[in-house]
Every structure is written in C-alpha cells, then in structure tokens.
Protein backbone atom coordinates (compact mmCIF):
# COMPACT_ATOMS: atom_id res chain seq x y z
CA MET A 1 11.17 5.12 -18.48
CA TYR A 2 8.96 4.21 -15.52
CA GLU A 3 6.37 6.74 -14.43
CA ILE A 4 3.25 7.30 -12.32
CA THR A 5 1.35 10.46 -13.21
CA ALA A 6 -1.95 11.49 -11.65
CA LYS A 7 -4.08 14.40 -12.81
CA ASN A 8 -7.03 15.49 -10.67
CA ILE A 9 -7.88 11.95 -9.54
CA SER A 10 -10.68 11.45 -7.04
CA ILE A 11 -12.19 8.38 -5.39
CA GLU A 12 -15.59 8.30 -3.69
CA PHE A 13 -17.08 5.36 -1.81
CA PRO A 14 -20.89 5.34 -1.59
CA VAL A 15 -22.32 4.05 1.69
CA TYR A 16 -25.07 1.62 0.71
CA THR A 17 -27.46 0.97 3.57
CA SER A 18 -31.20 0.75 4.03
CA GLN A 19 -30.79 3.24 6.85
CA ARG A 20 -30.23 6.08 4.39
CA ARG A 21 -33.99 6.01 3.68
CA SER A 22 -34.64 6.83 7.32
CA ILE A 23 -35.30 10.49 8.06
CA ARG A 24 -33.62 10.10 11.44
CA HIS A 25 -30.53 8.61 9.82
CA ALA A 26 -30.42 11.35 7.17
CA LEU A 27 -30.64 14.03 9.87
CA PHE A 28 -27.88 12.30 11.84
CA ILE A 29 -25.53 12.19 8.83
CA ASP A 30 -26.25 15.87 8.11
CA LYS A 31 -25.54 16.73 11.74
CA VAL A 32 -22.20 14.87 11.63
CA LYS A 33 -21.25 16.49 8.34
CA ASN A 34 -22.11 19.98 9.59
CA ALA A 35 -20.11 19.42 12.78
CA LEU A 36 -17.08 18.28 10.76
CA ASP A 37 -17.41 21.28 8.44
CA ARG A 38 -17.46 23.67 11.40
CA SER A 39 -14.47 22.03 13.08
CA GLY A 40 -12.43 21.68 9.91
CA GLY A 41 -12.91 17.90 9.84
CA SER A 42 -11.98 15.05 12.11
CA GLY A 43 -8.46 13.85 12.65
CA VAL A 44 -8.98 10.61 10.76
CA GLY A 45 -10.85 9.30 7.76
CA GLY A 46 -12.10 10.79 4.53
CA ARG A 47 -14.74 13.48 4.38
CA ILE A 48 -18.43 12.57 4.56
CA GLY A 49 -20.66 14.03 1.86
CA HIS A 50 -23.58 13.31 -0.45
CA ASP A 51 -23.77 12.71 -4.19
CA SER A 52 -26.33 14.14 -6.61
CA GLU A 53 -28.79 11.34 -5.75
CA GLY A 54 -28.57 12.03 -2.02
CA ARG A 55 -26.50 8.96 -1.18
CA THR A 56 -23.97 9.23 1.63
CA ILE A 57 -20.43 9.06 0.25
CA ILE A 58 -16.91 9.06 1.65
CA ASN A 59 -14.49 11.29 -0.27
CA ALA A 60 -11.46 8.99 0.06
CA LEU A 61 -9.26 10.92 -2.40
CA GLU A 62 -9.94 14.35 -3.83
CA ASP A 63 -8.32 16.09 -6.80
CA LEU A 64 -4.81 14.64 -6.50
CA THR A 65 -2.23 15.74 -9.07
CA PHE A 66 1.40 14.57 -8.96
CA SER A 67 4.14 12.97 -11.02
CA ILE A 68 6.54 10.24 -9.86
CA ARG A 69 9.50 9.51 -12.11
CA GLN A 70 12.04 6.70 -12.46
CA GLY A 71 14.43 6.72 -9.52
CA ASP A 72 11.94 8.27 -7.11
CA ARG A 73 11.33 6.66 -3.72
CA VAL A 74 8.17 8.27 -2.41
CA GLY A 75 6.76 7.89 1.10
CA LEU A 76 3.07 8.38 1.85
CA ILE A 77 2.35 9.78 5.31
CA GLY A 78 -0.78 10.98 7.04
CA LEU A 79 -3.16 10.22 9.88
CA ASN A 80 -5.17 6.98 9.86
CA GLY A 81 -7.77 7.11 7.11
CA SER A 82 -6.02 9.91 5.23
CA GLY A 83 -6.06 7.96 1.95
CA LYS A 84 -2.62 6.30 1.86
CA THR A 85 -3.80 2.74 1.23
CA THR A 86 -6.51 3.92 -1.16
CA LEU A 87 -3.89 5.78 -3.21
CA LEU A 88 -1.66 2.69 -3.34
CA ARG A 89 -4.61 0.64 -4.57
CA VAL A 90 -5.34 3.22 -7.24
CA MET A 91 -1.71 3.07 -8.40
CA SER A 92 -1.83 -0.74 -8.47
CA GLY A 93 -5.03 -0.82 -10.56
CA ILE A 94 -7.24 -2.31 -7.83
CA TYR A 95 -9.35 0.87 -7.84
CA GLU A 96 -10.01 2.80 -11.04
CA PRO A 97 -10.59 6.50 -10.32
CA PRO A 98 -13.95 7.65 -11.73
CA LYS A 99 -12.61 11.20 -11.92
CA GLY A 100 -9.27 12.35 -13.28
CA GLU A 101 -6.54 10.51 -15.15
CA LEU A 102 -3.85 8.10 -13.98
CA VAL A 103 -0.95 7.00 -16.20
CA VAL A 104 1.33 4.17 -15.04
CA ARG A 105 4.29 3.14 -17.18
CA GLY A 106 6.03 0.01 -15.91
CA GLN A 107 5.07 -3.33 -14.36
CA VAL A 108 3.59 -2.79 -10.92
CA MET A 109 4.32 -5.11 -7.99
CA PRO A 110 1.97 -4.41 -5.07
CA LEU A 111 3.10 -5.88 -1.73
CA PHE A 112 0.15 -5.23 0.55
CA ASN A 113 -0.19 -8.67 2.16
CA ILE A 114 2.71 -11.03 1.53
CA ASN A 115 0.71 -14.04 2.81
CA GLU A 116 -2.28 -13.46 0.54
CA GLY A 117 -3.44 -16.46 -1.45
CA ILE A 118 -1.43 -19.06 0.46
CA ASP A 119 -3.38 -22.32 0.90
CA MET A 120 -2.57 -23.90 4.26
CA ASP A 121 -2.77 -27.37 2.71
CA ALA A 122 -0.32 -26.50 -0.09
CA THR A 123 3.36 -27.39 0.18
CA GLY A 124 6.00 -24.67 0.43
CA VAL A 125 6.88 -25.11 -3.25
CA GLU A 126 3.23 -24.87 -4.28
CA ALA A 127 2.83 -21.73 -2.15
CA ILE A 128 5.79 -20.12 -3.94
CA GLN A 129 4.17 -20.87 -7.30
CA THR A 130 0.80 -19.46 -6.21
CA ARG A 131 2.30 -16.29 -4.74
CA GLY A 132 4.41 -15.80 -7.85
CA ILE A 133 1.31 -15.88 -10.04
CA LEU A 134 -0.48 -13.41 -7.73
CA LEU A 135 2.53 -11.09 -7.96
CA GLY A 136 2.17 -11.09 -11.74
CA LEU A 137 5.21 -13.23 -12.51
CA SER A 138 5.34 -15.51 -15.52
CA ARG A 139 5.84 -19.23 -15.04
CA GLN A 140 9.38 -18.86 -16.38
CA GLN A 141 10.15 -16.09 -13.87
CA ILE A 142 8.86 -18.30 -11.07
CA GLU A 143 10.99 -21.22 -12.24
CA ASP A 144 14.05 -18.96 -12.52
CA CYS A 145 13.83 -17.76 -8.91
CA ILE A 146 12.33 -20.75 -7.08
CA GLN A 147 15.71 -22.21 -6.05
CA ASP A 148 16.84 -18.84 -4.69
CA ILE A 149 13.63 -18.63 -2.64
CA ILE A 150 14.11 -22.11 -1.23
CA GLU A 151 17.74 -21.42 -0.27
CA PHE A 152 17.05 -17.99 1.23
CA SER A 153 14.07 -19.13 3.30
CA ASP A 154 16.30 -21.91 4.72
CA LEU A 155 13.35 -24.19 5.53
CA GLY A 156 15.12 -27.43 4.71
CA ASN A 157 12.81 -30.41 4.18
CA TYR A 158 9.83 -28.33 5.30
CA ILE A 159 9.70 -26.81 1.80
CA ASP A 160 7.87 -29.99 0.71
CA MET A 161 5.58 -30.07 3.75
CA PRO A 162 2.08 -28.51 4.00
CA ILE A 163 2.01 -24.86 5.12
CA ARG A 164 -0.21 -25.84 8.07
CA THR A 165 2.83 -27.56 9.62
CA TYR A 166 4.83 -24.28 9.58
CA SER A 167 5.32 -21.99 12.55
CA ALA A 168 4.40 -18.31 12.09
CA GLY A 169 8.09 -17.45 11.70
CA MET A 170 8.60 -20.12 9.03
CA LEU A 171 5.64 -18.82 7.05
CA VAL A 172 7.00 -15.27 7.19
CA ARG A 173 10.39 -16.53 5.94
CA LEU A 174 8.78 -18.20 2.93
CA ALA A 175 6.47 -15.29 2.11
CA PHE A 176 9.26 -12.72 2.48
CA ALA A 177 11.69 -14.70 0.33
CA THR A 178 9.06 -15.08 -2.40
CA ALA A 179 8.02 -11.41 -2.34
CA THR A 180 11.62 -10.19 -2.69
CA ALA A 181 12.89 -12.73 -5.23
CA VAL A 182 12.57 -10.56 -8.36
CA HIS A 183 13.50 -6.99 -9.24
CA PRO A 184 10.30 -4.95 -9.68
CA GLU A 185 9.86 -2.02 -12.04
CA ILE A 186 7.35 -0.21 -9.79
CA LEU A 187 7.15 -1.36 -6.17
CA LEU A 188 4.17 -0.42 -3.97
CA MET A 189 4.28 -1.26 -0.25
CA ASP A 190 1.79 -0.63 2.54
CA GLU A 191 4.34 -0.42 5.37
CA VAL A 192 7.76 -2.01 4.90
CA ILE A 193 7.74 -5.82 4.94
CA GLY A 194 8.64 -7.27 8.33
CA ALA A 195 10.64 -10.43 8.66
CA GLY A 196 9.56 -11.39 12.18
CA ASP A 197 12.02 -14.14 13.08
CA ALA A 198 14.90 -12.65 15.11
CA THR A 199 17.47 -15.02 13.59
CA PHE A 200 16.34 -14.01 10.12
CA ILE A 201 16.13 -10.22 10.50
CA GLU A 202 19.70 -9.24 9.59
CA LYS A 203 19.70 -11.31 6.42
CA ALA A 204 16.20 -10.10 5.55
CA GLU A 205 17.09 -6.40 5.97
CA ALA A 206 20.05 -6.76 3.59
CA ARG A 207 17.83 -8.46 1.01
CA LEU A 208 15.09 -5.85 1.41
CA LYS A 209 17.62 -3.04 0.88
CA THR A 210 18.80 -4.64 -2.38
CA PHE A 211 15.18 -5.28 -3.40
CA VAL A 212 14.14 -1.65 -2.90
CA GLU A 213 17.27 -0.26 -4.57
CA ALA A 214 16.67 -2.42 -7.65
CA ALA A 215 13.16 -1.05 -8.26
CA GLY A 216 12.63 1.69 -10.81
CA ILE A 217 10.06 3.44 -8.60
CA VAL A 218 9.15 2.79 -4.96
CA VAL A 219 6.04 4.09 -3.18
CA VAL A 220 5.63 3.12 0.47
CA ALA A 221 2.93 4.10 2.96
CA SER A 222 4.25 4.35 6.50
CA HIS A 223 3.86 6.15 9.82
CA SER A 224 7.56 5.62 10.55
CA ARG A 225 9.82 8.65 10.15
CA ASP A 226 12.84 6.34 10.21
CA ILE A 227 11.55 4.36 7.23
CA LEU A 228 10.72 7.50 5.26
CA GLN A 229 14.11 9.06 5.93
CA ARG A 230 16.01 5.84 5.18
CA TRP A 231 14.13 4.62 2.12
CA CYS A 232 12.67 7.74 0.46
CA ASN A 233 13.88 10.90 -1.30
CA LYS A 234 10.39 12.41 -1.56
CA ALA A 235 7.14 12.20 0.37
CA ILE A 236 3.45 13.02 0.05
CA LEU A 237 1.38 14.21 3.01
CA LEU A 238 -2.28 13.23 2.77
CA HIS A 239 -5.09 14.52 4.97
CA GLN A 240 -8.76 13.57 4.56
CA GLY A 241 -8.05 12.44 1.01
CA ARG A 242 -6.32 15.65 -0.04
CA MET A 243 -2.65 16.14 -0.86
CA ILE A 244 -1.29 18.73 1.58
CA GLU A 245 2.39 18.57 0.59
CA PHE A 246 4.59 16.83 -2.00
CA SER A 247 8.26 17.61 -1.48
CA ASP A 248 11.48 16.27 0.01
CA VAL A 249 11.08 14.02 3.04
CA ASP A 250 12.17 16.50 5.72
CA THR A 251 9.82 19.21 4.45
CA VAL A 252 6.88 16.80 4.42
CA ILE A 253 7.64 15.47 7.91
CA GLU A 254 7.71 19.06 9.22
CA ALA A 255 4.31 19.67 7.58
CA TYR A 256 3.00 16.45 9.16
CA ASP A 257 4.21 17.57 12.59
CA ARG A 258 2.39 20.89 12.17
CA LEU A 259 -0.76 19.03 11.14
CA VAL A 260 -0.63 16.77 14.18
CA ALA A 261 0.11 19.67 16.52
CA GLY A 262 -2.77 21.69 15.08
C-alpha cells in the first residue's frame, strides 16, 4: 500500500548574509515584515520572519498535515512561491523537514527536470543509462527498458551519436522516452512533462496518460486548471507555505479563484 502522510511538517530557509549584521538592514527587514503583517502578506513567496538567534528566515512551509493514499492523483496549486516545489522536494527526500513527521511508503520517482544529468558529450545510449540511474532504476531495469526507449524516441542512428549533435526537439524526445519508460510507485511532477516536437506530441500524450495511470500515487504541481481537472481527483491549495484547502479538484479551484480575487 503506497502512502504519503505528513504531520505538522514545516520548512524554514535561513537567509545567510553579512548584511544581517547591519542595523540598517535589520531595520529594513523589520519594516518589510511589519508591512506584510499589516497587509496580510504579499501575493507571492513564503513569509519572512526571524529565528531565536535573530537570523532572517523564510517560512517556506508551515504546519502541513495531510494524507495521500494509493490511487490518489493530487494537484498542488497556488501563487508563485506558495510552496508547491518545496513540498514536492520534501516528498522526494531532497529536503528533510526539521519540524513534523513525513512518512512515505513506496518508491518515489521525482520528475522535476527530465534533462538533468545529461552529458552533452555522451551518446544517446549513455544518456539513457545515466538518467536511469538518477531516476533510481537498477541496472537490470535500465537494460529491460532501453530498447523501448530507443524505439519510442525514434532517433534512428542518432542514438549512438553525442548529445551535442541533437536538436532541442531530439533531446526532448530522448529525455521524455527515458522518464516515462517504467511504471512508478509514487510519481512527483513539477508541471506535466512537455514533449515539444509537434510531430511527437500525440504519441507522447498517449504514453504520458498510460504512465500516469500506472502510478500508485501521483502528485503534480501546476498552474493549469485543465491539467488538474484531467489528471487529478484531489488538490491542495497552498498560500505562503500554508495549506488553505485539501479537497476535490473543483472545490480547491474555487478556493484558489477566491484567493486570487481577494
């Protein structure tokens, strides 16, 4: 049974700078913080505060509690800087919350940058192997799916050529085919993967649909209502690091509209 359960998790980012020793800088930060407190906060970003040692901190996530079960497809929505990407990175294990408890049951596949780790001097086959390792696949899993990746990307003899000889569209084909070659247990996406090349889009959309449906749990951050309504059965609305709503997609979108209008 796959599961992501968070209990009172919080993430704070200290702002390390020599300027914090400046009285003028300290007064400026206090002035900004007081203005945000009076106005109810800005439209974007986490909240600015101070820790017990007087350091300036950004409250990126604050006291989040939720449970995502097998079969859930959860969309994360909110204004820029609301904490969507930070929450995905917490779920993936990139950030460990210093406060609260996070339990993840299942193998996580984070797809935040499908081109990450690709050496421009590597061949297409070598790039597949590198990306597979970065995605947490075993060597046997990579070997099992490498032929499917080669066929789906449809790069012909270019698969044995250096990546630097690829066009942007060819690189997207290879990265997309690699990222969607296996069935993940828990899939985390920061915006839905784009396939770029117009001649490739229809085939890519069909593969992406199968890829998402095969996952035990899907969590995707997106500003697109269409994506949330097509891919998700639940959604979380974040604002300044706080969870405002966790419900069905339509209810959360209505709450988001009220937030934007307000």
